[in-house]
Amino acid sequence: MTKKPIRTPRKPVTDTKEKLTLYVTLMVSTTLCISVLAMVISFMLGLWAKEVDNAEIFKMISPAFSTLIGGMIGFLSGIKLMQNDEKSKCKD
C-alpha cells in the first residue's frame, strides 16, 4: 500500500497590509468588471436603437472606456508592484 503525500495547509494571510491589499485588489477588480459590462451593454443597446446614431455613441463612450480600463489596470499593477516594497528595504 502506498502512502499518500501529506498536504500542508497554505499559510493564512495574517499581515494587515497584505489583507488590505487583497481586499482593495478584489474591490478594484469587481468595479472594473461591473463597469466594463455596463459599457458593453450600452454599446450593444446603442447598436440596435433606431433613434440613436451609432457613430455618436461610439464617439462618446470610447474615450471613457479606454480611460477606465487603462486606469484600473495601472492601479492594479501599482498595488501588486508595491505590495512587497517594505520587505526589500535595508534596515540600519
PDB file of N, CA and C in Angstrom:
ATOM      1  N   MET A   1       0.840  -1.180   0.000  1.00  0.00           N
ATOM      2  CA  MET A   1       0.000   0.000   0.000  1.00  0.00           C
ATOM      3  C   MET A   1       0.890   1.251   0.000  1.00  0.00           C
ATOM      4  N   THR A   2       0.613   2.157  -0.908  1.00  0.00           N
ATOM      5  CA  THR A   2       1.424   3.370  -0.997  1.00  0.00           C
ATOM      6  C   THR A   2       0.864   4.441  -0.080  1.00  0.00           C
ATOM      7  N   LYS A   3       1.778   5.232   0.438  1.00  0.00           N
ATOM      8  CA  LYS A   3       1.364   6.326   1.318  1.00  0.00           C
ATOM      9  C   LYS A   3       1.022   7.550   0.483  1.00  0.00           C
ATOM     10  N   LYS A   4      -0.048   8.184   0.853  1.00  0.00           N
ATOM     11  CA  LYS A   4      -0.427   9.420   0.188  1.00  0.00           C
ATOM     12  C   LYS A   4       0.393  10.557   0.775  1.00  0.00           C
ATOM     13  N   PRO A   5       0.795  11.509  -0.068  1.00  0.00           N
ATOM     14  CA  PRO A   5       1.569  12.636   0.473  1.00  0.00           C
ATOM     15  C   PRO A   5       0.694  13.486   1.404  1.00  0.00           C
ATOM     16  N   ILE A   6       1.323  13.952   2.448  1.00  0.00           N
ATOM     17  CA  ILE A   6       0.611  14.796   3.407  1.00  0.00           C
ATOM     18  C   ILE A   6       0.524  16.204   2.844  1.00  0.00           C
ATOM     19  N   ARG A   7      -0.682  16.711   2.797  1.00  0.00           N
ATOM     20  CA  ARG A   7      -0.900  18.058   2.279  1.00  0.00           C
ATOM     21  C   ARG A   7      -0.628  19.069   3.377  1.00  0.00           C
ATOM     22  N   THR A   8       0.197  20.018   3.063  1.00  0.00           N
ATOM     23  CA  THR A   8       0.465  21.079   4.023  1.00  0.00           C
ATOM     24  C   THR A   8      -0.501  22.222   3.761  1.00  0.00           C
ATOM     25  N   PRO A   9      -1.139  22.730   4.796  1.00  0.00           N
ATOM     26  CA  PRO A   9      -2.091  23.832   4.579  1.00  0.00           C
ATOM     27  C   PRO A   9      -1.360  25.104   4.167  1.00  0.00           C
ATOM     28  N   ARG A  10      -2.069  25.912   3.398  1.00  0.00           N
ATOM     29  CA  ARG A  10      -1.494  27.198   2.992  1.00  0.00           C
ATOM     30  C   ARG A  10      -1.359  28.113   4.188  1.00  0.00           C
ATOM     31  N   LYS A  11      -0.343  28.945   4.135  1.00  0.00           N
ATOM     32  CA  LYS A  11      -0.140  29.919   5.196  1.00  0.00           C
ATOM     33  C   LYS A  11      -1.229  30.982   5.103  1.00  0.00           C
ATOM     34  N   PRO A  12      -1.982  31.216   6.174  1.00  0.00           N
ATOM     35  CA  PRO A  12      -3.037  32.236   6.111  1.00  0.00           C
ATOM     36  C   PRO A  12      -2.441  33.643   6.022  1.00  0.00           C
ATOM     37  N   VAL A  13      -3.182  34.518   5.400  1.00  0.00           N
ATOM     38  CA  VAL A  13      -2.754  35.907   5.282  1.00  0.00           C
ATOM     39  C   VAL A  13      -2.973  36.567   6.641  1.00  0.00           C
ATOM     40  N   THR A  14      -1.888  36.837   7.331  1.00  0.00           N
ATOM     41  CA  THR A  14      -2.014  37.385   8.679  1.00  0.00           C
ATOM     42  C   THR A  14      -1.657  38.859   8.752  1.00  0.00           C
ATOM     43  N   ASP A  15      -0.844  39.310   7.852  1.00  0.00           N
ATOM     44  CA  ASP A  15      -0.414  40.703   7.887  1.00  0.00           C
ATOM     45  C   ASP A  15      -1.557  41.618   7.465  1.00  0.00           C
ATOM     46  N   THR A  16      -1.759  42.689   8.201  1.00  0.00           N
ATOM     47  CA  THR A  16      -2.849  43.619   7.914  1.00  0.00           C
ATOM     48  C   THR A  16      -2.670  44.279   6.547  1.00  0.00           C
ATOM     49  N   LYS A  17      -1.432  44.616   6.206  1.00  0.00           N
ATOM     50  CA  LYS A  17      -1.184  45.256   4.913  1.00  0.00           C
ATOM     51  C   LYS A  17      -1.512  44.302   3.763  1.00  0.00           C
ATOM     52  N   GLU A  18      -1.181  43.037   3.933  1.00  0.00           N
ATOM     53  CA  GLU A  18      -1.489  42.055   2.889  1.00  0.00           C
ATOM     54  C   GLU A  18      -2.996  41.859   2.747  1.00  0.00           C
ATOM     55  N   LYS A  19      -3.712  41.841   3.867  1.00  0.00           N
ATOM     56  CA  LYS A  19      -5.171  41.722   3.821  1.00  0.00           C
ATOM     57  C   LYS A  19      -5.784  42.919   3.116  1.00  0.00           C
ATOM     58  N   LEU A  20      -5.310  44.110   3.480  1.00  0.00           N
ATOM     59  CA  LEU A  20      -5.828  45.332   2.875  1.00  0.00           C
ATOM     60  C   LEU A  20      -5.558  45.345   1.373  1.00  0.00           C
ATOM     61  N   THR A  21      -4.358  44.934   0.988  1.00  0.00           N
ATOM     62  CA  THR A  21      -4.018  44.875  -0.434  1.00  0.00           C
ATOM     63  C   THR A  21      -4.924  43.897  -1.169  1.00  0.00           C
ATOM     64  N   LEU A  22      -5.189  42.759  -0.555  1.00  0.00           N
ATOM     65  CA  LEU A  22      -6.078  41.773  -1.170  1.00  0.00           C
ATOM     66  C   LEU A  22      -7.488  42.329  -1.335  1.00  0.00           C
ATOM     67  N   TYR A  23      -8.027  42.952  -0.297  1.00  0.00           N
ATOM     68  CA  TYR A  23      -9.387  43.497  -0.370  1.00  0.00           C
ATOM     69  C   TYR A  23      -9.491  44.614  -1.400  1.00  0.00           C
ATOM     70  N   VAL A  24      -8.501  45.506  -1.426  1.00  0.00           N
ATOM     71  CA  VAL A  24      -8.532  46.609  -2.396  1.00  0.00           C
ATOM     72  C   VAL A  24      -8.440  46.059  -3.822  1.00  0.00           C
ATOM     73  N   THR A  25      -7.577  45.066  -4.022  1.00  0.00           N
ATOM     74  CA  THR A  25      -7.439  44.464  -5.339  1.00  0.00           C
ATOM     75  C   THR A  25      -8.751  43.811  -5.783  1.00  0.00           C
ATOM     76  N   LEU A  26      -9.399  43.109  -4.861  1.00  0.00           N
ATOM     77  CA  LEU A  26     -10.683  42.484  -5.199  1.00  0.00           C
ATOM     78  C   LEU A  26     -11.757  43.523  -5.503  1.00  0.00           C
ATOM     79  N   MET A  27     -11.793  44.616  -4.741  1.00  0.00           N
ATOM     80  CA  MET A  27     -12.789  45.661  -4.993  1.00  0.00           C
ATOM     81  C   MET A  27     -12.554  46.344  -6.333  1.00  0.00           C
ATOM     82  N   VAL A  28     -11.293  46.641  -6.643  1.00  0.00           N
ATOM     83  CA  VAL A  28     -10.986  47.292  -7.919  1.00  0.00           C
ATOM     84  C   VAL A  28     -11.311  46.362  -9.084  1.00  0.00           C
ATOM     85  N   SER A  29     -10.995  45.088  -8.931  1.00  0.00           N
ATOM     86  CA  SER A  29     -11.302  44.125  -9.997  1.00  0.00           C
ATOM     87  C   SER A  29     -12.803  43.993 -10.205  1.00  0.00           C
ATOM     88  N   THR A  30     -13.558  43.947  -9.111  1.00  0.00           N
ATOM     89  CA  THR A  30     -15.021  43.855  -9.212  1.00  0.00           C
ATOM     90  C   THR A  30     -15.594  45.101  -9.869  1.00  0.00           C
ATOM     91  N   THR A  31     -15.108  46.267  -9.472  1.00  0.00           N
ATOM     92  CA  THR A  31     -15.565  47.524 -10.067  1.00  0.00           C
ATOM     93  C   THR A  31     -15.250  47.572 -11.556  1.00  0.00           C
ATOM     94  N   LEU A  32     -14.064  47.116 -11.928  1.00  0.00           N
ATOM     95  CA  LEU A  32     -13.683  47.089 -13.341  1.00  0.00           C
ATOM     96  C   LEU A  32     -14.607  46.178 -14.130  1.00  0.00           C
ATOM     97  N   CYS A  33     -14.894  45.008 -13.590  1.00  0.00           N
ATOM     98  CA  CYS A  33     -15.792  44.065 -14.293  1.00  0.00           C
ATOM     99  C   CYS A  33     -17.186  44.651 -14.469  1.00  0.00           C
ATOM    100  N   ILE A  34     -17.728  45.256 -13.420  1.00  0.00           N
ATOM    101  CA  ILE A  34     -19.066  45.837 -13.498  1.00  0.00           C
ATOM    102  C   ILE A  34     -19.096  46.993 -14.499  1.00  0.00           C
ATOM    103  N   SER A  35     -18.076  47.847 -14.459  1.00  0.00           N
ATOM    104  CA  SER A  35     -18.025  48.992 -15.372  1.00  0.00           C
ATOM    105  C   SER A  35     -17.907  48.550 -16.828  1.00  0.00           C
ATOM    106  N   VAL A  36     -17.059  47.572 -17.081  1.00  0.00           N
ATOM    107  CA  VAL A  36     -16.883  47.085 -18.453  1.00  0.00           C
ATOM    108  C   VAL A  36     -18.174  46.437 -18.953  1.00  0.00           C
ATOM    109  N   LEU A  37     -18.832  45.652 -18.106  1.00  0.00           N
ATOM    110  CA  LEU A  37     -20.104  45.053 -18.513  1.00  0.00           C
ATOM    111  C   LEU A  37     -21.157  46.115 -18.810  1.00  0.00           C
ATOM    112  N   ALA A  38     -21.223  47.164 -17.991  1.00  0.00           N
ATOM    113  CA  ALA A  38     -22.193  48.231 -18.230  1.00  0.00           C
ATOM    114  C   ALA A  38     -21.907  48.942 -19.553  1.00  0.00           C
ATOM    115  N   MET A  39     -20.633  49.185 -19.844  1.00  0.00           N
ATOM    116  CA  MET A  39     -20.294  49.863 -21.091  1.00  0.00           C
ATOM    117  C   MET A  39     -20.571  48.976 -22.308  1.00  0.00           C
ATOM    118  N   VAL A  40     -20.277  47.692 -22.186  1.00  0.00           N
ATOM    119  CA  VAL A  40     -20.545  46.782 -23.304  1.00  0.00           C
ATOM    120  C   VAL A  40     -22.050  46.681 -23.545  1.00  0.00           C
ATOM    121  N   ILE A  41     -22.839  46.639 -22.484  1.00  0.00           N
ATOM    122  CA  ILE A  41     -24.291  46.597 -22.633  1.00  0.00           C
ATOM    123  C   ILE A  41     -24.798  47.872 -23.302  1.00  0.00           C
ATOM    124  N   SER A  42     -24.230  49.022 -22.914  1.00  0.00           N
ATOM    125  CA  SER A  42     -24.654  50.270 -23.555  1.00  0.00           C
ATOM    126  C   SER A  42     -24.237  50.316 -25.021  1.00  0.00           C
ATOM    127  N   PHE A  43     -23.072  49.761 -25.347  1.00  0.00           N
ATOM    128  CA  PHE A  43     -22.674  49.644 -26.754  1.00  0.00           C
ATOM    129  C   PHE A  43     -23.687  48.807 -27.521  1.00  0.00           C
ATOM    130  N   MET A  44     -24.055  47.681 -26.949  1.00  0.00           N
ATOM    131  CA  MET A  44     -24.978  46.779 -27.635  1.00  0.00           C
ATOM    132  C   MET A  44     -26.370  47.397 -27.787  1.00  0.00           C
ATOM    133  N   LEU A  45     -26.851  48.073 -26.758  1.00  0.00           N
ATOM    134  CA  LEU A  45     -28.157  48.732 -26.864  1.00  0.00           C
ATOM    135  C   LEU A  45     -28.126  49.869 -27.876  1.00  0.00           C
ATOM    136  N   GLY A  46     -27.009  50.573 -27.929  1.00  0.00           N
ATOM    137  CA  GLY A  46     -26.866  51.670 -28.885  1.00  0.00           C
ATOM    138  C   GLY A  46     -26.829  51.203 -30.329  1.00  0.00           C
ATOM    139  N   LEU A  47     -26.349  49.994 -30.555  1.00  0.00           N
ATOM    140  CA  LEU A  47     -26.284  49.479 -31.923  1.00  0.00           C
ATOM    141  C   LEU A  47     -27.668  49.253 -32.517  1.00  0.00           C
ATOM    142  N   TRP A  48     -28.608  48.804 -31.681  1.00  0.00           N
ATOM    143  CA  TRP A  48     -29.928  48.467 -32.209  1.00  0.00           C
ATOM    144  C   TRP A  48     -30.980  49.554 -32.000  1.00  0.00           C
ATOM    145  N   ALA A  49     -30.650  50.639 -31.340  1.00  0.00           N
ATOM    146  CA  ALA A  49     -31.604  51.725 -31.166  1.00  0.00           C
ATOM    147  C   ALA A  49     -31.693  52.515 -32.474  1.00  0.00           C
ATOM    148  N   LYS A  50     -32.892  52.658 -32.988  1.00  0.00           N
ATOM    149  CA  LYS A  50     -33.064  53.322 -34.282  1.00  0.00           C
ATOM    150  C   LYS A  50     -32.925  54.839 -34.184  1.00  0.00           C
ATOM    151  N   GLU A  51     -33.281  55.393 -33.039  1.00  0.00           N
ATOM    152  CA  GLU A  51     -33.226  56.852 -32.908  1.00  0.00           C
ATOM    153  C   GLU A  51     -31.846  57.380 -32.514  1.00  0.00           C
ATOM    154  N   VAL A  52     -30.888  56.487 -32.317  1.00  0.00           N
ATOM    155  CA  VAL A  52     -29.538  56.890 -31.907  1.00  0.00           C
ATOM    156  C   VAL A  52     -28.568  56.610 -33.050  1.00  0.00           C
ATOM    157  N   ASP A  53     -27.709  57.585 -33.315  1.00  0.00           N
ATOM    158  CA  ASP A  53     -26.682  57.419 -34.341  1.00  0.00           C
ATOM    159  C   ASP A  53     -25.520  56.622 -33.742  1.00  0.00           C
ATOM    160  N   ASN A  54     -25.169  55.506 -34.352  1.00  0.00           N
ATOM    161  CA  ASN A  54     -24.115  54.636 -33.824  1.00  0.00           C
ATOM    162  C   ASN A  54     -22.764  55.334 -33.724  1.00  0.00           C
ATOM    163  N   ALA A  55     -22.465  56.182 -34.676  1.00  0.00           N
ATOM    164  CA  ALA A  55     -21.186  56.880 -34.660  1.00  0.00           C
ATOM    165  C   ALA A  55     -21.069  57.783 -33.435  1.00  0.00           C
ATOM    166  N   GLU A  56     -22.163  58.427 -33.063  1.00  0.00           N
ATOM    167  CA  GLU A  56     -22.152  59.308 -31.889  1.00  0.00           C
ATOM    168  C   GLU A  56     -21.991  58.519 -30.594  1.00  0.00           C
ATOM    169  N   ILE A  57     -22.625  57.360 -30.507  1.00  0.00           N
ATOM    170  CA  ILE A  57     -22.489  56.524 -29.307  1.00  0.00           C
ATOM    171  C   ILE A  57     -21.040  56.121 -29.119  1.00  0.00           C
ATOM    172  N   PHE A  58     -20.408  55.598 -30.178  1.00  0.00           N
ATOM    173  CA  PHE A  58     -19.033  55.149 -30.060  1.00  0.00           C
ATOM    174  C   PHE A  58     -18.076  56.313 -29.820  1.00  0.00           C
ATOM    175  N   LYS A  59     -18.392  57.473 -30.382  1.00  0.00           N
ATOM    176  CA  LYS A  59     -17.545  58.641 -30.190  1.00  0.00           C
ATOM    177  C   LYS A  59     -17.586  59.110 -28.736  1.00  0.00           C
ATOM    178  N   MET A  60     -18.736  58.968 -28.081  1.00  0.00           N
ATOM    179  CA  MET A  60     -18.875  59.422 -26.693  1.00  0.00           C
ATOM    180  C   MET A  60     -18.330  58.405 -25.690  1.00  0.00           C
ATOM    181  N   ILE A  61     -18.538  57.134 -25.922  1.00  0.00           N
ATOM    182  CA  ILE A  61     -18.201  56.126 -24.921  1.00  0.00           C
ATOM    183  C   ILE A  61     -16.773  55.603 -25.062  1.00  0.00           C
ATOM    184  N   SER A  62     -16.210  55.601 -26.232  1.00  0.00           N
ATOM    185  CA  SER A  62     -14.882  55.014 -26.449  1.00  0.00           C
ATOM    186  C   SER A  62     -13.778  55.631 -25.589  1.00  0.00           C
ATOM    187  N   PRO A  63     -13.668  56.963 -25.472  1.00  0.00           N
ATOM    188  CA  PRO A  63     -12.606  57.509 -24.604  1.00  0.00           C
ATOM    189  C   PRO A  63     -12.789  57.138 -23.133  1.00  0.00           C
ATOM    190  N   ALA A  64     -14.029  57.118 -22.676  1.00  0.00           N
ATOM    191  CA  ALA A  64     -14.276  56.741 -21.282  1.00  0.00           C
ATOM    192  C   ALA A  64     -13.924  55.278 -21.057  1.00  0.00           C
ATOM    193  N   PHE A  65     -14.238  54.449 -22.018  1.00  0.00           N
ATOM    194  CA  PHE A  65     -13.929  53.025 -21.942  1.00  0.00           C
ATOM    195  C   PHE A  65     -12.422  52.810 -21.851  1.00  0.00           C
ATOM    196  N   SER A  66     -11.671  53.456 -22.700  1.00  0.00           N
ATOM    197  CA  SER A  66     -10.212  53.319 -22.703  1.00  0.00           C
ATOM    198  C   SER A  66      -9.595  53.872 -21.426  1.00  0.00           C
ATOM    199  N   THR A  67     -10.081  55.017 -20.969  1.00  0.00           N
ATOM    200  CA  THR A  67      -9.553  55.618 -19.752  1.00  0.00           C
ATOM    201  C   THR A  67      -9.829  54.749 -18.538  1.00  0.00           C
ATOM    202  N   LEU A  68     -11.019  54.222 -18.445  1.00  0.00           N
ATOM    203  CA  LEU A  68     -11.382  53.375 -17.308  1.00  0.00           C
ATOM    204  C   LEU A  68     -10.527  52.120 -17.261  1.00  0.00           C
ATOM    205  N   ILE A  69     -10.402  51.442 -18.362  1.00  0.00           N
ATOM    206  CA  ILE A  69      -9.619  50.209 -18.387  1.00  0.00           C
ATOM    207  C   ILE A  69      -8.144  50.502 -18.120  1.00  0.00           C
ATOM    208  N   GLY A  70      -7.598  51.515 -18.737  1.00  0.00           N
ATOM    209  CA  GLY A  70      -6.193  51.867 -18.512  1.00  0.00           C
ATOM    210  C   GLY A  70      -5.910  52.271 -17.073  1.00  0.00           C
ATOM    211  N   GLY A  71      -6.800  53.063 -16.501  1.00  0.00           N
ATOM    212  CA  GLY A  71      -6.612  53.491 -15.114  1.00  0.00           C
ATOM    213  C   GLY A  71      -6.708  52.348 -14.129  1.00  0.00           C
ATOM    214  N   MET A  72      -7.679  51.485 -14.316  1.00  0.00           N
ATOM    215  CA  MET A  72      -7.841  50.364 -13.390  1.00  0.00           C
ATOM    216  C   MET A  72      -6.682  49.372 -13.507  1.00  0.00           C
ATOM    217  N   ILE A  73      -6.231  49.094 -14.706  1.00  0.00           N
ATOM    218  CA  ILE A  73      -5.106  48.169 -14.876  1.00  0.00           C
ATOM    219  C   ILE A  73      -3.831  48.779 -14.293  1.00  0.00           C
ATOM    220  N   GLY A  74      -3.637  50.060 -14.481  1.00  0.00           N
ATOM    221  CA  GLY A  74      -2.490  50.733 -13.872  1.00  0.00           C
ATOM    222  C   GLY A  74      -2.547  50.710 -12.360  1.00  0.00           C
ATOM    223  N   PHE A  75      -3.734  50.907 -11.814  1.00  0.00           N
ATOM    224  CA  PHE A  75      -3.909  50.874 -10.364  1.00  0.00           C
ATOM    225  C   PHE A  75      -3.621  49.485  -9.803  1.00  0.00           C
ATOM    226  N   LEU A  76      -4.161  48.458 -10.460  1.00  0.00           N
ATOM    227  CA  LEU A  76      -3.920  47.083 -10.013  1.00  0.00           C
ATOM    228  C   LEU A  76      -2.443  46.701 -10.100  1.00  0.00           C
ATOM    229  N   SER A  77      -1.788  47.067 -11.176  1.00  0.00           N
ATOM    230  CA  SER A  77      -0.375  46.731 -11.301  1.00  0.00           C
ATOM    231  C   SER A  77       0.464  47.509 -10.297  1.00  0.00           C
ATOM    232  N   GLY A  78       0.088  48.750 -10.003  1.00  0.00           N
ATOM    233  CA  GLY A  78       0.800  49.522  -8.979  1.00  0.00           C
ATOM    234  C   GLY A  78       0.665  48.915  -7.605  1.00  0.00           C
ATOM    235  N   ILE A  79      -0.522  48.418  -7.285  1.00  0.00           N
ATOM    236  CA  ILE A  79      -0.729  47.767  -5.989  1.00  0.00           C
ATOM    237  C   ILE A  79       0.128  46.518  -5.888  1.00  0.00           C
ATOM    238  N   LYS A  80       0.130  45.715  -6.928  1.00  0.00           N
ATOM    239  CA  LYS A  80       0.893  44.465  -6.894  1.00  0.00           C
ATOM    240  C   LYS A  80       2.398  44.719  -6.874  1.00  0.00           C
ATOM    241  N   LEU A  81       2.869  45.743  -7.561  1.00  0.00           N
ATOM    242  CA  LEU A  81       4.301  46.039  -7.555  1.00  0.00           C
ATOM    243  C   LEU A  81       4.763  46.574  -6.207  1.00  0.00           C
ATOM    244  N   MET A  82       3.934  47.351  -5.544  1.00  0.00           N
ATOM    245  CA  MET A  82       4.320  47.957  -4.268  1.00  0.00           C
ATOM    246  C   MET A  82       3.981  47.071  -3.074  1.00  0.00           C
ATOM    247  N   GLN A  83       3.418  45.901  -3.295  1.00  0.00           N
ATOM    248  CA  GLN A  83       2.973  45.042  -2.204  1.00  0.00           C
ATOM    249  C   GLN A  83       4.139  44.601  -1.319  1.00  0.00           C
ATOM    250  N   ASN A  84       5.262  44.235  -1.880  1.00  0.00           N
ATOM    251  CA  ASN A  84       6.390  43.752  -1.110  1.00  0.00           C
ATOM    252  C   ASN A  84       7.507  44.779  -1.015  1.00  0.00           C
ATOM    253  N   ASP A  85       7.187  46.041  -1.136  1.00  0.00           N
ATOM    254  CA  ASP A  85       8.197  47.084  -1.173  1.00  0.00           C
ATOM    255  C   ASP A  85       8.911  47.247   0.169  1.00  0.00           C
ATOM    256  N   GLU A  86       8.204  47.201   1.281  1.00  0.00           N
ATOM    257  CA  GLU A  86       8.826  47.398   2.587  1.00  0.00           C
ATOM    258  C   GLU A  86       9.752  46.261   2.961  1.00  0.00           C
ATOM    259  N   LYS A  87       9.483  45.069   2.486  1.00  0.00           N
ATOM    260  CA  LYS A  87      10.307  43.920   2.815  1.00  0.00           C
ATOM    261  C   LYS A  87      11.676  43.997   2.174  1.00  0.00           C
ATOM    262  N   SER A  88      11.796  44.722   1.080  1.00  0.00           N
ATOM    263  CA  SER A  88      13.067  44.782   0.370  1.00  0.00           C
ATOM    264  C   SER A  88      13.960  45.934   0.822  1.00  0.00           C
ATOM    265  N   LYS A  89      13.485  46.813   1.693  1.00  0.00           N
ATOM    266  CA  LYS A  89      14.284  47.939   2.148  1.00  0.00           C
ATOM    267  C   LYS A  89      15.328  47.476   3.161  1.00  0.00           C
ATOM    268  N   CYS A  90      16.478  48.152   3.116  1.00  0.00           N
ATOM    269  CA  CYS A  90      17.553  47.823   4.055  1.00  0.00           C
ATOM    270  C   CYS A  90      17.243  48.403   5.436  1.00  0.00           C
ATOM    271  N   LYS A  91      17.562  47.642   6.457  1.00  0.00           N
ATOM    272  CA  LYS A  91      17.367  48.123   7.827  1.00  0.00           C
ATOM    273  C   LYS A  91      18.716  48.428   8.432  1.00  0.00           C
ATOM    274  N   ASP A  92      18.820  49.618   9.037  1.00  0.00           N
ATOM    275  CA  ASP A  92      20.090  50.023   9.653  1.00  0.00           C
ATOM    276  C   ASP A  92      20.162  49.597  11.096  1.00  0.00           C
TER     277      ASP A  92
END
